[in-house]
Amino acid sequence: MEEQPAIDALGALAQPTRLAVFRALVRAGPSELPAGSLALLTETPPSTLSAHLRVLEQAGLVRARRDSRHMFYTARLETARALIAFLMQDCCAGHPAICADLPGSPSDEEMMA
């Protein structure tokens, strides 16, 4: 991941409702959640939620699918993984054992290469 997409993703997540929506979608895994369910889960009015979902979608963190009048959302886990890897790529000053258990941290073999 490049720096600007990482900044965009972090900026999108730096708001309580958007973070709650993203975490709900991550918990759902590959399953889609309808916008109405996300509104209930986060206690957010639908019009407000729609604006938050647009920000998350523009940052590449969620994927939307329309079915007639209904919108369904999933977390783009590949973007989340890339963001974590970006944040962890220089982890531990060459001591991979310190952060080896963190998601996205380089493996011992990658650090030695």
C-alpha atoms as a PDB file:
ATOM      1  CA  MET A   1       0.000   0.000   0.000  1.00  0.00           C
ATOM      2  CA  GLU A   2       1.200   3.478  -0.823  1.00  0.00           C
ATOM      3  CA  GLU A   3       1.213   6.325   1.681  1.00  0.00           C
ATOM      4  CA  GLN A   4      -1.811   8.294   0.380  1.00  0.00           C
ATOM      5  CA  PRO A   5      -4.242   5.344   0.381  1.00  0.00           C
ATOM      6  CA  ALA A   6      -3.054   4.534   3.924  1.00  0.00           C
ATOM      7  CA  ILE A   7      -3.708   8.123   5.011  1.00  0.00           C
ATOM      8  CA  ASP A   8      -7.146   8.004   3.371  1.00  0.00           C
ATOM      9  CA  ALA A   9      -8.021   4.732   5.116  1.00  0.00           C
ATOM     10  CA  LEU A  10      -6.789   5.929   8.502  1.00  0.00           C
ATOM     11  CA  GLY A  11      -8.666   9.199   8.070  1.00  0.00           C
ATOM     12  CA  ALA A  12     -11.865   7.326   7.230  1.00  0.00           C
ATOM     13  CA  LEU A  13     -11.493   5.197  10.361  1.00  0.00           C
ATOM     14  CA  ALA A  14     -10.689   8.202  12.573  1.00  0.00           C
ATOM     15  CA  GLN A  15     -14.366   8.829  13.325  1.00  0.00           C
ATOM     16  CA  PRO A  16     -16.386   6.839  15.882  1.00  0.00           C
ATOM     17  CA  THR A  17     -19.363   5.896  13.703  1.00  0.00           C
ATOM     18  CA  ARG A  18     -17.223   4.887  10.734  1.00  0.00           C
ATOM     19  CA  LEU A  19     -14.962   2.840  12.977  1.00  0.00           C
ATOM     20  CA  ALA A  20     -18.008   1.099  14.489  1.00  0.00           C
ATOM     21  CA  VAL A  21     -19.422   0.370  11.017  1.00  0.00           C
ATOM     22  CA  PHE A  22     -16.117  -0.995   9.775  1.00  0.00           C
ATOM     23  CA  ARG A  23     -15.680  -3.186  12.855  1.00  0.00           C
ATOM     24  CA  ALA A  24     -19.224  -4.542  12.437  1.00  0.00           C
ATOM     25  CA  LEU A  25     -18.447  -5.431   8.837  1.00  0.00           C
ATOM     26  CA  VAL A  26     -15.162  -7.077   9.845  1.00  0.00           C
ATOM     27  CA  ARG A  27     -17.047  -9.179  12.424  1.00  0.00           C
ATOM     28  CA  ALA A  28     -19.455 -10.243   9.660  1.00  0.00           C
ATOM     29  CA  GLY A  29     -16.505 -11.505   7.622  1.00  0.00           C
ATOM     30  CA  PRO A  30     -17.396 -12.261   4.016  1.00  0.00           C
ATOM     31  CA  SER A  31     -21.127 -11.979   4.741  1.00  0.00           C
ATOM     32  CA  GLU A  32     -22.890  -8.896   3.485  1.00  0.00           C
ATOM     33  CA  LEU A  33     -24.804  -6.675   5.869  1.00  0.00           C
ATOM     34  CA  PRO A  34     -27.721  -4.561   4.697  1.00  0.00           C
ATOM     35  CA  ALA A  35     -27.502  -0.833   5.356  1.00  0.00           C
ATOM     36  CA  GLY A  36     -30.550  -1.048   7.627  1.00  0.00           C
ATOM     37  CA  SER A  37     -28.827  -3.574   9.878  1.00  0.00           C
ATOM     38  CA  LEU A  38     -25.734  -1.387  10.065  1.00  0.00           C
ATOM     39  CA  ALA A  39     -27.930   1.568  11.020  1.00  0.00           C
ATOM     40  CA  LEU A  40     -29.475  -0.456  13.841  1.00  0.00           C
ATOM     41  CA  LEU A  41     -26.134  -1.862  15.024  1.00  0.00           C
ATOM     42  CA  THR A  42     -24.540   1.561  15.201  1.00  0.00           C
ATOM     43  CA  GLU A  43     -27.683   3.470  16.233  1.00  0.00           C
ATOM     44  CA  THR A  44     -27.144   5.822  13.306  1.00  0.00           C
ATOM     45  CA  PRO A  45     -29.901   7.453  11.235  1.00  0.00           C
ATOM     46  CA  PRO A  46     -29.920   6.023   7.677  1.00  0.00           C
ATOM     47  CA  SER A  47     -29.077   9.333   5.981  1.00  0.00           C
ATOM     48  CA  THR A  48     -26.102   9.892   8.295  1.00  0.00           C
ATOM     49  CA  LEU A  49     -24.982   6.288   7.875  1.00  0.00           C
ATOM     50  CA  SER A  50     -25.099   6.656   4.108  1.00  0.00           C
ATOM     51  CA  ALA A  51     -22.595   9.520   4.259  1.00  0.00           C
ATOM     52  CA  HIS A  52     -20.273   7.497   6.525  1.00  0.00           C
ATOM     53  CA  LEU A  53     -20.482   4.470   4.238  1.00  0.00           C
ATOM     54  CA  ARG A  54     -19.551   6.644   1.262  1.00  0.00           C
ATOM     55  CA  VAL A  55     -16.395   7.813   3.058  1.00  0.00           C
ATOM     56  CA  LEU A  56     -15.448   4.214   3.892  1.00  0.00           C
ATOM     57  CA  GLU A  57     -16.139   3.127   0.328  1.00  0.00           C
ATOM     58  CA  GLN A  58     -14.052   5.972  -1.140  1.00  0.00           C
ATOM     59  CA  ALA A  59     -11.180   4.942   1.151  1.00  0.00           C
ATOM     60  CA  GLY A  60     -11.416   1.392  -0.205  1.00  0.00           C
ATOM     61  CA  LEU A  61     -12.443  -0.109   3.127  1.00  0.00           C
ATOM     62  CA  VAL A  62     -15.935  -1.304   2.193  1.00  0.00           C
ATOM     63  CA  ARG A  63     -17.620  -2.676  -0.904  1.00  0.00           C
ATOM     64  CA  ALA A  64     -21.236  -1.850  -1.710  1.00  0.00           C
ATOM     65  CA  ARG A  65     -23.723  -3.871  -3.722  1.00  0.00           C
ATOM     66  CA  ARG A  66     -27.155  -2.688  -4.766  1.00  0.00           C
ATOM     67  CA  ASP A  67     -30.065  -5.098  -5.042  1.00  0.00           C
ATOM     68  CA  SER A  68     -33.132  -3.210  -6.210  1.00  0.00           C
ATOM     69  CA  ARG A  69     -33.620  -0.491  -3.581  1.00  0.00           C
ATOM     70  CA  HIS A  70     -31.415  -2.144  -0.967  1.00  0.00           C
ATOM     71  CA  MET A  71     -27.698  -1.676  -0.350  1.00  0.00           C
ATOM     72  CA  PHE A  72     -25.478  -4.392   1.073  1.00  0.00           C
ATOM     73  CA  TYR A  73     -21.972  -3.854   2.420  1.00  0.00           C
ATOM     74  CA  THR A  74     -18.901  -5.945   3.121  1.00  0.00           C
ATOM     75  CA  ALA A  75     -15.530  -5.023   4.553  1.00  0.00           C
ATOM     76  CA  ARG A  76     -12.704  -5.085   2.031  1.00  0.00           C
ATOM     77  CA  LEU A  77     -10.466  -7.239   4.188  1.00  0.00           C
ATOM     78  CA  GLU A  78      -7.686  -7.120   1.604  1.00  0.00           C
ATOM     79  CA  THR A  79      -7.469  -3.353   2.115  1.00  0.00           C
ATOM     80  CA  ALA A  80      -7.436  -3.777   5.897  1.00  0.00           C
ATOM     81  CA  ARG A  81      -4.629  -6.342   5.597  1.00  0.00           C
ATOM     82  CA  ALA A  82      -2.671  -4.030   3.294  1.00  0.00           C
ATOM     83  CA  LEU A  83      -3.118  -1.154   5.757  1.00  0.00           C
ATOM     84  CA  ILE A  84      -1.889  -3.255   8.677  1.00  0.00           C
ATOM     85  CA  ALA A  85       1.060  -4.495   6.615  1.00  0.00           C
ATOM     86  CA  PHE A  86       1.881  -0.900   5.636  1.00  0.00           C
ATOM     87  CA  LEU A  87       1.861   0.168   9.282  1.00  0.00           C
ATOM     88  CA  MET A  88       3.955  -2.821  10.348  1.00  0.00           C
ATOM     89  CA  GLN A  89       6.438  -3.017   7.480  1.00  0.00           C
ATOM     90  CA  ASP A  90       9.253  -1.362   9.420  1.00  0.00           C
ATOM     91  CA  CYS A  91       8.330  -2.984  12.705  1.00  0.00           C
ATOM     92  CA  CYS A  92      10.714  -3.719  15.493  1.00  0.00           C
ATOM     93  CA  ALA A  93      13.959  -2.268  14.131  1.00  0.00           C
ATOM     94  CA  GLY A  94      15.026  -5.584  12.683  1.00  0.00           C
ATOM     95  CA  HIS A  95      13.906  -7.674  15.667  1.00  0.00           C
ATOM     96  CA  PRO A  96      10.946  -9.626  14.242  1.00  0.00           C
ATOM     97  CA  ALA A  97      10.404 -11.653  17.418  1.00  0.00           C
ATOM     98  CA  ILE A  98       9.096  -8.514  19.140  1.00  0.00           C
ATOM     99  CA  CYS A  99       6.125  -8.104  16.810  1.00  0.00           C
ATOM    100  CA  ALA A 100       5.831 -11.524  15.175  1.00  0.00           C
ATOM    101  CA  ASP A 101       2.405 -12.147  16.697  1.00  0.00           C
ATOM    102  CA  LEU A 102       0.911  -8.944  15.250  1.00  0.00           C
ATOM    103  CA  PRO A 103      -1.238  -9.230  12.105  1.00  0.00           C
ATOM    104  CA  GLY A 104       0.569  -8.024   9.027  1.00  0.00           C
ATOM    105  CA  SER A 105       3.991  -8.133  10.631  1.00  0.00           C
ATOM    106  CA  PRO A 106       6.734  -9.648   8.523  1.00  0.00           C
ATOM    107  CA  SER A 107       7.651 -13.250   9.151  1.00  0.00           C
ATOM    108  CA  ASP A 108      11.143 -14.250  10.272  1.00  0.00           C
ATOM    109  CA  GLU A 109      11.918 -15.389   6.715  1.00  0.00           C
ATOM    110  CA  GLU A 110      10.786 -12.065   5.245  1.00  0.00           C
ATOM    111  CA  MET A 111      12.904 -10.141   7.731  1.00  0.00           C
ATOM    112  CA  MET A 112      15.969 -12.200   6.870  1.00  0.00           C
ATOM    113  CA  ALA A 113      15.576 -11.701   3.101  1.00  0.00           C
END
